[in-house]
Amino acid sequence: MIKTSMRMEQASKILKLMGDKNRLTMLKLLESQSLCVCEFVELFDISQPAISQHLRKLKDISIIKEDKRGQWVHYSINTENEYYPFVKAILDQLPNEREKLKKLEKTDVHCDM
């Protein structure tokens, strides 16, 4: 069992953010690899501003981090966050998202330098 102590308020905040299907799926995808906004737009078929809002909310509580690579900003899970074990325990219970990542590989959307 994972031993972590956190305040109820923080647990509630994290669970609330992870309660959104899009954000939860984003986190599961980021567990496998870093992605940029344009890749999320392709995968979710929702607008760039909506994707950016989801990412901002996750970044605001440091569940994810960003890495600027040239003109692109790539997002990844922040494994150094003190609540990462809590987030990881939840993500470990979910099915993988390999099919979505395979779909992305077949597109011409790639945010490389």
C-alpha atoms as a PDB file:
ATOM      1  CA  MET A   1       0.000   0.000   0.000  1.00  0.00           C
ATOM      2  CA  ILE A   2       1.221   3.482  -0.832  1.00  0.00           C
ATOM      3  CA  LYS A   3       1.988   5.521   2.241  1.00  0.00           C
ATOM      4  CA  THR A   4       1.371   9.190   1.724  1.00  0.00           C
ATOM      5  CA  SER A   5      -0.246  11.738   3.890  1.00  0.00           C
ATOM      6  CA  MET A   6      -2.124  14.623   2.411  1.00  0.00           C
ATOM      7  CA  ARG A   7      -4.729  17.029   3.530  1.00  0.00           C
ATOM      8  CA  MET A   8      -8.310  16.218   2.655  1.00  0.00           C
ATOM      9  CA  GLU A   9      -8.573  19.525   0.768  1.00  0.00           C
ATOM     10  CA  GLN A  10      -5.659  18.625  -1.511  1.00  0.00           C
ATOM     11  CA  ALA A  11      -6.972  15.108  -2.149  1.00  0.00           C
ATOM     12  CA  SER A  12     -10.372  16.566  -2.978  1.00  0.00           C
ATOM     13  CA  LYS A  13      -8.841  19.095  -5.379  1.00  0.00           C
ATOM     14  CA  ILE A  14      -6.831  16.422  -7.205  1.00  0.00           C
ATOM     15  CA  LEU A  15      -9.784  14.046  -7.405  1.00  0.00           C
ATOM     16  CA  LYS A  16     -12.014  16.831  -8.708  1.00  0.00           C
ATOM     17  CA  LEU A  17      -9.550  17.592 -11.507  1.00  0.00           C
ATOM     18  CA  MET A  18      -9.148  13.913 -12.313  1.00  0.00           C
ATOM     19  CA  GLY A  19     -12.931  13.530 -12.300  1.00  0.00           C
ATOM     20  CA  ASP A  20     -13.108  15.091 -15.748  1.00  0.00           C
ATOM     21  CA  LYS A  21     -12.855  12.351 -18.409  1.00  0.00           C
ATOM     22  CA  ASN A  22     -10.729  14.463 -20.746  1.00  0.00           C
ATOM     23  CA  ARG A  23      -8.228  15.416 -18.041  1.00  0.00           C
ATOM     24  CA  LEU A  24      -8.097  11.853 -16.747  1.00  0.00           C
ATOM     25  CA  THR A  25      -7.404  10.562 -20.264  1.00  0.00           C
ATOM     26  CA  MET A  26      -4.763  13.264 -20.763  1.00  0.00           C
ATOM     27  CA  LEU A  27      -2.992  12.143 -17.607  1.00  0.00           C
ATOM     28  CA  LYS A  28      -3.124   8.507 -18.696  1.00  0.00           C
ATOM     29  CA  LEU A  29      -1.636   9.459 -22.086  1.00  0.00           C
ATOM     30  CA  LEU A  30       1.073  11.545 -20.423  1.00  0.00           C
ATOM     31  CA  GLU A  31       1.988   8.546 -18.323  1.00  0.00           C
ATOM     32  CA  SER A  32       3.395   6.987 -21.527  1.00  0.00           C
ATOM     33  CA  GLN A  33       4.978   9.976 -23.230  1.00  0.00           C
ATOM     34  CA  SER A  34       5.091  13.745 -23.351  1.00  0.00           C
ATOM     35  CA  LEU A  35       2.658  15.450 -25.706  1.00  0.00           C
ATOM     36  CA  CYS A  36       2.004  18.969 -26.969  1.00  0.00           C
ATOM     37  CA  VAL A  37      -1.289  20.809 -27.344  1.00  0.00           C
ATOM     38  CA  CYS A  38      -1.616  20.132 -31.076  1.00  0.00           C
ATOM     39  CA  GLU A  39      -1.305  16.385 -30.428  1.00  0.00           C
ATOM     40  CA  PHE A  40      -4.033  16.564 -27.783  1.00  0.00           C
ATOM     41  CA  VAL A  41      -6.246  18.503 -30.206  1.00  0.00           C
ATOM     42  CA  GLU A  42      -5.821  15.701 -32.745  1.00  0.00           C
ATOM     43  CA  LEU A  43      -6.554  12.983 -30.194  1.00  0.00           C
ATOM     44  CA  PHE A  44      -9.564  14.583 -28.526  1.00  0.00           C
ATOM     45  CA  ASP A  45     -11.066  16.476 -31.443  1.00  0.00           C
ATOM     46  CA  ILE A  46     -11.799  19.478 -29.233  1.00  0.00           C
ATOM     47  CA  SER A  47     -10.565  23.018 -29.610  1.00  0.00           C
ATOM     48  CA  GLN A  48      -7.063  24.167 -28.760  1.00  0.00           C
ATOM     49  CA  PRO A  49      -8.352  26.661 -26.142  1.00  0.00           C
ATOM     50  CA  ALA A  50     -10.293  23.857 -24.403  1.00  0.00           C
ATOM     51  CA  ILE A  51      -7.204  21.617 -24.373  1.00  0.00           C
ATOM     52  CA  SER A  52      -5.102  24.487 -23.042  1.00  0.00           C
ATOM     53  CA  GLN A  53      -7.600  25.095 -20.213  1.00  0.00           C
ATOM     54  CA  HIS A  54      -7.481  21.430 -19.179  1.00  0.00           C
ATOM     55  CA  LEU A  55      -3.681  21.479 -19.204  1.00  0.00           C
ATOM     56  CA  ARG A  56      -3.551  24.749 -17.273  1.00  0.00           C
ATOM     57  CA  LYS A  57      -5.720  23.302 -14.506  1.00  0.00           C
ATOM     58  CA  LEU A  58      -3.459  20.261 -14.199  1.00  0.00           C
ATOM     59  CA  LYS A  59      -0.346  22.427 -14.315  1.00  0.00           C
ATOM     60  CA  ASP A  60      -1.717  24.828 -11.669  1.00  0.00           C
ATOM     61  CA  ILE A  61      -1.544  22.064  -9.056  1.00  0.00           C
ATOM     62  CA  SER A  62       1.737  20.712 -10.473  1.00  0.00           C
ATOM     63  CA  ILE A  63       0.398  17.315 -11.539  1.00  0.00           C
ATOM     64  CA  ILE A  64       1.952  17.977 -14.939  1.00  0.00           C
ATOM     65  CA  LYS A  65       4.938  20.018 -16.026  1.00  0.00           C
ATOM     66  CA  GLU A  66       5.864  21.686 -19.266  1.00  0.00           C
ATOM     67  CA  ASP A  67       9.055  21.632 -21.269  1.00  0.00           C
ATOM     68  CA  LYS A  68       9.624  24.196 -24.005  1.00  0.00           C
ATOM     69  CA  ARG A  69      11.242  22.631 -27.078  1.00  0.00           C
ATOM     70  CA  GLY A  70      11.756  25.203 -29.768  1.00  0.00           C
ATOM     71  CA  GLN A  71       8.351  26.659 -30.574  1.00  0.00           C
ATOM     72  CA  TRP A  72       6.504  23.757 -28.937  1.00  0.00           C
ATOM     73  CA  VAL A  73       5.593  23.185 -25.302  1.00  0.00           C
ATOM     74  CA  HIS A  74       5.492  19.526 -24.333  1.00  0.00           C
ATOM     75  CA  TYR A  75       3.619  18.349 -21.272  1.00  0.00           C
ATOM     76  CA  SER A  76       4.464  15.381 -19.074  1.00  0.00           C
ATOM     77  CA  ILE A  77       3.520  13.908 -15.705  1.00  0.00           C
ATOM     78  CA  ASN A  78       5.379  15.595 -12.861  1.00  0.00           C
ATOM     79  CA  THR A  79       6.814  12.565 -11.081  1.00  0.00           C
ATOM     80  CA  GLU A  80       8.529  14.856  -8.579  1.00  0.00           C
ATOM     81  CA  ASN A  81       5.225  16.238  -7.280  1.00  0.00           C
ATOM     82  CA  GLU A  82       4.631  15.198  -3.675  1.00  0.00           C
ATOM     83  CA  TYR A  83       1.203  13.845  -4.633  1.00  0.00           C
ATOM     84  CA  TYR A  84       2.448  11.820  -7.598  1.00  0.00           C
ATOM     85  CA  PRO A  85       2.069   8.482  -5.732  1.00  0.00           C
ATOM     86  CA  PHE A  86      -1.601   9.320  -5.149  1.00  0.00           C
ATOM     87  CA  VAL A  87      -2.138  10.212  -8.823  1.00  0.00           C
ATOM     88  CA  LYS A  88      -0.151   7.176  -9.999  1.00  0.00           C
ATOM     89  CA  ALA A  89      -2.211   4.815  -7.836  1.00  0.00           C
ATOM     90  CA  ILE A  90      -5.350   6.035  -9.607  1.00  0.00           C
ATOM     91  CA  LEU A  91      -3.819   5.934 -13.099  1.00  0.00           C
ATOM     92  CA  ASP A  92      -2.584   2.385 -12.485  1.00  0.00           C
ATOM     93  CA  GLN A  93      -6.202   1.257 -12.160  1.00  0.00           C
ATOM     94  CA  LEU A  94      -7.134   2.533 -15.629  1.00  0.00           C
ATOM     95  CA  PRO A  95      -6.807   0.843 -19.023  1.00  0.00           C
ATOM     96  CA  ASN A  96      -3.884   1.954 -21.154  1.00  0.00           C
ATOM     97  CA  GLU A  97      -4.385   4.388 -23.995  1.00  0.00           C
ATOM     98  CA  ARG A  98      -2.086   2.700 -26.544  1.00  0.00           C
ATOM     99  CA  GLU A  99      -4.737   2.818 -29.246  1.00  0.00           C
ATOM    100  CA  LYS A 100      -4.967   6.593 -29.021  1.00  0.00           C
ATOM    101  CA  LEU A 101      -1.182   6.875 -29.220  1.00  0.00           C
ATOM    102  CA  LYS A 102      -1.103   4.530 -32.240  1.00  0.00           C
ATOM    103  CA  LYS A 103      -3.761   6.700 -33.889  1.00  0.00           C
ATOM    104  CA  LEU A 104      -1.592   9.759 -33.267  1.00  0.00           C
ATOM    105  CA  GLU A 105       1.453   8.069 -34.813  1.00  0.00           C
ATOM    106  CA  LYS A 106      -0.517   7.530 -38.032  1.00  0.00           C
ATOM    107  CA  THR A 107      -1.290  11.235 -38.386  1.00  0.00           C
ATOM    108  CA  ASP A 108       1.019  13.914 -39.667  1.00  0.00           C
ATOM    109  CA  VAL A 109       0.687  15.868 -36.410  1.00  0.00           C
ATOM    110  CA  HIS A 110       4.073  15.898 -34.713  1.00  0.00           C
ATOM    111  CA  CYS A 111       5.345  18.680 -32.513  1.00  0.00           C
ATOM    112  CA  ASP A 112       9.047  18.120 -32.835  1.00  0.00           C
ATOM    113  CA  MET A 113      11.740  20.755 -33.012  1.00  0.00           C
END
